[in-house]
Amino acid sequence: GRQLGRIATVGADGTPHVVPVGWIYNAARDTIDVGGRELERSKKFRDAARTGRAAIVIDDVKTTDPWHPRAVEVRGRAEAITLPTPLIRIHPERIVSWGLDQPGSARTVAG
């Protein structure tokens, strides 16, 4: 099912743009696919189309007492796809995680 994350793109003037989005892991392509209502009209879609880059942070709070946030950040090449369903497809190049069961980690994805 869809989950909530925060996508980051960069505008034409170099200003970062971060907004909440729905996403799904596409196991067949090993990508993060970001969707949304009228996505193709959005700034994030235009930014991804122009730069070919995006990042997404997917996070939650496992417990509040003790405080235990956890997250995964995925950075990589982005495709702004219009048909058949508009989406931003992020091809992971760098994955950083923290607060998961293992200690914080980062890896660069070969490809």
N, C-alpha and C. Protein backbone atom coordinates (compact mmCIF):
# COMPACT_ATOMS: atom_id res chain seq x y z
N GLY A 1 0.80 -1.20 0.00
CA GLY A 1 0.00 0.00 0.00
C GLY A 1 0.84 1.25 0.00
N ARG A 2 0.20 2.36 -0.14
CA ARG A 2 0.90 3.65 -0.14
C ARG A 2 1.31 4.06 1.26
N GLN A 3 2.45 4.67 1.32
CA GLN A 3 3.00 5.19 2.56
C GLN A 3 3.28 6.68 2.35
N LEU A 4 3.53 7.39 3.45
CA LEU A 4 3.84 8.81 3.36
C LEU A 4 5.34 9.03 3.53
N GLY A 5 5.90 9.87 2.67
CA GLY A 5 7.30 10.25 2.75
C GLY A 5 7.43 11.72 2.39
N ARG A 6 8.66 12.21 2.33
CA ARG A 6 8.91 13.59 1.97
C ARG A 6 9.92 13.61 0.82
N ILE A 7 9.49 14.15 -0.31
CA ILE A 7 10.38 14.22 -1.48
C ILE A 7 11.06 15.59 -1.51
N ALA A 8 12.32 15.58 -1.90
CA ALA A 8 13.09 16.82 -2.04
C ALA A 8 13.55 16.94 -3.49
N THR A 9 13.32 18.11 -4.05
CA THR A 9 13.81 18.44 -5.39
C THR A 9 14.44 19.83 -5.30
N VAL A 10 15.04 20.27 -6.40
CA VAL A 10 15.67 21.59 -6.43
C VAL A 10 15.06 22.39 -7.57
N GLY A 11 14.61 23.59 -7.24
CA GLY A 11 14.00 24.47 -8.23
C GLY A 11 15.02 25.07 -9.18
N ALA A 12 14.52 25.69 -10.24
CA ALA A 12 15.39 26.29 -11.26
C ALA A 12 16.31 27.35 -10.67
N ASP A 13 15.88 28.00 -9.58
CA ASP A 13 16.71 29.03 -8.95
C ASP A 13 17.62 28.45 -7.87
N GLY A 14 17.65 27.11 -7.73
CA GLY A 14 18.52 26.47 -6.75
C GLY A 14 17.91 26.30 -5.38
N THR A 15 16.66 26.72 -5.20
CA THR A 15 16.00 26.61 -3.91
C THR A 15 15.47 25.19 -3.69
N PRO A 16 15.80 24.58 -2.54
CA PRO A 16 15.25 23.25 -2.25
C PRO A 16 13.73 23.32 -2.08
N HIS A 17 13.07 22.23 -2.44
CA HIS A 17 11.61 22.11 -2.32
C HIS A 17 11.33 20.75 -1.70
N VAL A 18 10.68 20.73 -0.53
CA VAL A 18 10.39 19.48 0.18
C VAL A 18 8.91 19.44 0.49
N VAL A 19 8.24 18.34 0.10
CA VAL A 19 6.81 18.19 0.34
C VAL A 19 6.47 16.73 0.65
N PRO A 20 5.39 16.51 1.42
CA PRO A 20 4.96 15.14 1.68
C PRO A 20 4.32 14.53 0.44
N VAL A 21 4.57 13.23 0.24
CA VAL A 21 4.05 12.52 -0.93
C VAL A 21 3.71 11.07 -0.58
N GLY A 22 2.86 10.48 -1.39
CA GLY A 22 2.63 9.04 -1.32
C GLY A 22 3.70 8.35 -2.15
N TRP A 23 4.11 7.17 -1.72
CA TRP A 23 5.15 6.44 -2.44
C TRP A 23 4.89 4.94 -2.32
N ILE A 24 5.53 4.20 -3.19
CA ILE A 24 5.48 2.74 -3.13
C ILE A 24 6.82 2.21 -3.63
N TYR A 25 7.28 1.11 -3.03
CA TYR A 25 8.50 0.46 -3.50
C TYR A 25 8.14 -0.41 -4.70
N ASN A 26 8.81 -0.18 -5.81
CA ASN A 26 8.59 -0.95 -7.04
C ASN A 26 9.67 -2.04 -7.09
N ALA A 27 9.33 -3.22 -6.59
CA ALA A 27 10.29 -4.32 -6.49
C ALA A 27 10.79 -4.78 -7.86
N ALA A 28 9.94 -4.71 -8.88
CA ALA A 28 10.33 -5.15 -10.22
C ALA A 28 11.44 -4.27 -10.79
N ARG A 29 11.45 -2.99 -10.44
CA ARG A 29 12.45 -2.06 -10.95
C ARG A 29 13.46 -1.63 -9.90
N ASP A 30 13.24 -2.02 -8.64
CA ASP A 30 14.08 -1.62 -7.51
C ASP A 30 14.15 -0.09 -7.41
N THR A 31 12.97 0.53 -7.49
CA THR A 31 12.86 1.99 -7.43
C THR A 31 11.82 2.39 -6.39
N ILE A 32 11.84 3.66 -6.06
CA ILE A 32 10.78 4.26 -5.26
C ILE A 32 9.92 5.06 -6.23
N ASP A 33 8.64 4.73 -6.32
CA ASP A 33 7.72 5.42 -7.22
C ASP A 33 6.83 6.35 -6.41
N VAL A 34 6.88 7.63 -6.74
CA VAL A 34 6.14 8.67 -6.04
C VAL A 34 4.95 9.07 -6.89
N GLY A 35 3.78 9.09 -6.28
CA GLY A 35 2.57 9.48 -6.99
C GLY A 35 1.89 10.63 -6.29
N GLY A 36 0.75 11.02 -6.82
CA GLY A 36 -0.01 12.08 -6.19
C GLY A 36 -1.03 12.66 -7.13
N ARG A 37 -1.96 13.35 -6.53
CA ARG A 37 -3.02 13.99 -7.29
C ARG A 37 -2.47 15.11 -8.15
N GLU A 38 -2.81 15.08 -9.43
CA GLU A 38 -2.35 16.08 -10.40
C GLU A 38 -0.83 16.27 -10.34
N LEU A 39 -0.12 15.15 -10.16
CA LEU A 39 1.33 15.18 -10.00
C LEU A 39 2.02 15.90 -11.14
N GLU A 40 1.57 15.65 -12.37
CA GLU A 40 2.24 16.23 -13.54
C GLU A 40 2.16 17.75 -13.58
N ARG A 41 1.30 18.35 -12.77
CA ARG A 41 1.18 19.82 -12.71
C ARG A 41 2.00 20.41 -11.56
N SER A 42 2.66 19.57 -10.79
CA SER A 42 3.32 20.02 -9.56
C SER A 42 4.75 20.51 -9.80
N LYS A 43 5.20 21.34 -8.87
CA LYS A 43 6.58 21.83 -8.89
C LYS A 43 7.56 20.67 -8.78
N LYS A 44 7.28 19.71 -7.90
CA LYS A 44 8.19 18.57 -7.72
C LYS A 44 8.36 17.79 -9.03
N PHE A 45 7.28 17.63 -9.78
CA PHE A 45 7.33 16.92 -11.06
C PHE A 45 8.19 17.69 -12.06
N ARG A 46 7.95 19.00 -12.15
CA ARG A 46 8.74 19.84 -13.07
C ARG A 46 10.22 19.83 -12.68
N ASP A 47 10.49 19.94 -11.36
CA ASP A 47 11.88 19.92 -10.89
C ASP A 47 12.56 18.60 -11.25
N ALA A 48 11.89 17.48 -11.00
CA ALA A 48 12.48 16.17 -11.30
C ALA A 48 12.71 16.01 -12.81
N ALA A 49 11.77 16.50 -13.61
CA ALA A 49 11.92 16.42 -15.07
C ALA A 49 13.11 17.25 -15.53
N ARG A 50 13.29 18.42 -14.95
CA ARG A 50 14.35 19.33 -15.36
C ARG A 50 15.73 18.85 -14.91
N THR A 51 15.85 18.41 -13.64
CA THR A 51 17.17 18.08 -13.09
C THR A 51 17.52 16.60 -13.19
N GLY A 52 16.50 15.74 -13.24
CA GLY A 52 16.76 14.31 -13.24
C GLY A 52 17.26 13.80 -11.90
N ARG A 53 17.00 14.55 -10.82
CA ARG A 53 17.47 14.20 -9.47
C ARG A 53 16.35 14.40 -8.46
N ALA A 54 16.34 13.56 -7.42
CA ALA A 54 15.40 13.72 -6.31
C ALA A 54 15.88 12.89 -5.14
N ALA A 55 15.34 13.19 -3.98
CA ALA A 55 15.59 12.40 -2.77
C ALA A 55 14.26 12.25 -2.05
N ILE A 56 14.15 11.18 -1.27
CA ILE A 56 12.96 10.98 -0.45
C ILE A 56 13.40 10.49 0.92
N VAL A 57 12.74 10.99 1.95
CA VAL A 57 12.92 10.49 3.32
C VAL A 57 11.62 9.84 3.74
N ILE A 58 11.74 8.62 4.23
CA ILE A 58 10.61 7.86 4.74
C ILE A 58 10.90 7.63 6.21
N ASP A 59 10.04 8.13 7.10
CA ASP A 59 10.36 8.06 8.52
C ASP A 59 9.12 7.81 9.36
N ASP A 60 9.35 7.41 10.59
CA ASP A 60 8.29 7.28 11.58
C ASP A 60 8.92 7.30 12.96
N VAL A 61 8.09 7.19 13.98
CA VAL A 61 8.57 7.12 15.36
C VAL A 61 8.16 5.76 15.90
N LYS A 62 9.15 4.91 16.19
CA LYS A 62 8.87 3.56 16.68
C LYS A 62 8.25 3.62 18.07
N THR A 63 8.85 4.42 18.96
CA THR A 63 8.32 4.63 20.31
C THR A 63 8.58 6.07 20.73
N THR A 64 7.73 6.57 21.62
CA THR A 64 7.95 7.93 22.14
C THR A 64 8.61 7.92 23.52
N ASP A 65 8.55 6.79 24.22
CA ASP A 65 9.19 6.70 25.54
C ASP A 65 9.82 5.32 25.69
N PRO A 66 11.09 5.18 25.35
CA PRO A 66 12.02 6.25 24.97
C PRO A 66 11.80 6.70 23.52
N TRP A 67 12.25 7.93 23.26
CA TRP A 67 12.14 8.51 21.93
C TRP A 67 12.98 7.68 20.96
N HIS A 68 12.36 7.17 19.89
CA HIS A 68 13.06 6.30 18.95
C HIS A 68 12.57 6.56 17.52
N PRO A 69 13.05 7.66 16.91
CA PRO A 69 12.71 7.89 15.50
C PRO A 69 13.56 6.97 14.62
N ARG A 70 13.05 6.67 13.44
CA ARG A 70 13.80 5.86 12.48
C ARG A 70 13.46 6.35 11.07
N ALA A 71 14.42 6.20 10.17
CA ALA A 71 14.20 6.74 8.82
C ALA A 71 15.13 6.09 7.81
N VAL A 72 14.73 6.24 6.56
CA VAL A 72 15.55 5.87 5.42
C VAL A 72 15.51 7.05 4.45
N GLU A 73 16.67 7.46 3.98
CA GLU A 73 16.77 8.49 2.95
C GLU A 73 17.29 7.82 1.69
N VAL A 74 16.63 8.08 0.57
CA VAL A 74 17.04 7.53 -0.72
C VAL A 74 17.29 8.70 -1.66
N ARG A 75 18.50 8.79 -2.19
CA ARG A 75 18.85 9.83 -3.16
C ARG A 75 19.19 9.16 -4.48
N GLY A 76 18.84 9.81 -5.58
CA GLY A 76 19.22 9.22 -6.85
C GLY A 76 18.68 9.92 -8.06
N ARG A 77 18.81 9.22 -9.18
CA ARG A 77 18.32 9.71 -10.46
C ARG A 77 16.80 9.63 -10.45
N ALA A 78 16.16 10.64 -11.00
CA ALA A 78 14.70 10.69 -11.02
C ALA A 78 14.18 10.80 -12.45
N GLU A 79 13.10 10.08 -12.70
CA GLU A 79 12.39 10.19 -13.97
C GLU A 79 11.01 10.76 -13.69
N ALA A 80 10.60 11.75 -14.47
CA ALA A 80 9.24 12.27 -14.40
C ALA A 80 8.46 11.60 -15.52
N ILE A 81 7.64 10.63 -15.17
CA ILE A 81 6.93 9.80 -16.14
C ILE A 81 5.48 10.28 -16.23
N THR A 82 4.99 10.51 -17.45
CA THR A 82 3.62 11.03 -17.61
C THR A 82 2.59 9.94 -17.88
N LEU A 83 2.96 8.88 -18.61
CA LEU A 83 1.98 7.86 -18.98
C LEU A 83 2.46 6.47 -18.59
N PRO A 84 1.61 5.53 -18.26
CA PRO A 84 0.15 5.65 -18.24
C PRO A 84 -0.36 6.39 -17.00
N THR A 85 0.37 6.33 -15.90
CA THR A 85 0.01 7.06 -14.69
C THR A 85 1.18 7.95 -14.30
N PRO A 86 0.96 9.26 -14.14
CA PRO A 86 2.07 10.14 -13.78
C PRO A 86 2.73 9.71 -12.47
N LEU A 87 4.07 9.68 -12.49
CA LEU A 87 4.82 9.39 -11.28
C LEU A 87 6.24 9.89 -11.41
N ILE A 88 6.89 10.03 -10.27
CA ILE A 88 8.32 10.32 -10.23
C ILE A 88 8.98 9.03 -9.77
N ARG A 89 9.84 8.49 -10.60
CA ARG A 89 10.52 7.22 -10.28
C ARG A 89 11.95 7.55 -9.85
N ILE A 90 12.27 7.22 -8.60
CA ILE A 90 13.61 7.47 -8.07
C ILE A 90 14.43 6.18 -8.15
N HIS A 91 15.54 6.25 -8.86
CA HIS A 91 16.48 5.14 -8.97
C HIS A 91 17.56 5.34 -7.92
N PRO A 92 17.57 4.54 -6.85
CA PRO A 92 18.50 4.78 -5.74
C PRO A 92 19.97 4.75 -6.16
N GLU A 93 20.71 5.76 -5.70
CA GLU A 93 22.16 5.80 -5.85
C GLU A 93 22.83 5.86 -4.48
N ARG A 94 22.14 6.42 -3.52
CA ARG A 94 22.66 6.52 -2.15
C ARG A 94 21.51 6.28 -1.20
N ILE A 95 21.71 5.38 -0.24
CA ILE A 95 20.69 5.06 0.76
C ILE A 95 21.31 5.23 2.14
N VAL A 96 20.67 6.03 2.98
CA VAL A 96 21.13 6.28 4.34
C VAL A 96 19.98 5.93 5.28
N SER A 97 20.30 5.21 6.36
CA SER A 97 19.25 4.87 7.32
C SER A 97 19.74 5.14 8.73
N TRP A 98 18.79 5.38 9.63
CA TRP A 98 19.11 5.53 11.04
C TRP A 98 17.91 5.12 11.87
N GLY A 99 18.20 4.64 13.09
CA GLY A 99 17.14 4.27 14.01
C GLY A 99 16.50 2.93 13.73
N LEU A 100 17.00 2.20 12.74
CA LEU A 100 16.46 0.87 12.45
C LEU A 100 17.09 -0.11 13.43
N ASP A 101 16.79 -1.38 13.30
CA ASP A 101 17.31 -2.36 14.25
C ASP A 101 18.83 -2.44 14.24
N GLN A 102 19.45 -2.17 13.10
CA GLN A 102 20.90 -2.15 13.04
C GLN A 102 21.38 -0.72 13.25
N PRO A 103 22.68 -0.53 13.57
CA PRO A 103 23.21 0.83 13.72
C PRO A 103 23.03 1.62 12.43
N GLY A 104 23.11 2.94 12.53
CA GLY A 104 22.98 3.80 11.36
C GLY A 104 23.92 3.35 10.26
N SER A 105 23.47 3.44 9.04
CA SER A 105 24.31 2.98 7.95
C SER A 105 24.05 3.81 6.71
N ALA A 106 24.99 3.72 5.79
CA ALA A 106 24.86 4.39 4.50
C ALA A 106 25.51 3.49 3.47
N ARG A 107 24.95 3.50 2.27
CA ARG A 107 25.60 2.75 1.20
C ARG A 107 25.34 3.43 -0.13
N THR A 108 26.32 3.31 -0.99
CA THR A 108 26.18 3.78 -2.35
C THR A 108 25.77 2.58 -3.19
N VAL A 109 24.74 2.75 -3.98
CA VAL A 109 24.20 1.66 -4.78
C VAL A 109 24.94 1.62 -6.11
N ALA A 110 25.52 0.49 -6.43
CA ALA A 110 26.21 0.33 -7.72
C ALA A 110 25.16 0.21 -8.82
N GLY A 111 25.47 0.70 -9.97
CA GLY A 111 24.51 0.54 -11.04
C GLY A 111 24.75 1.50 -12.08
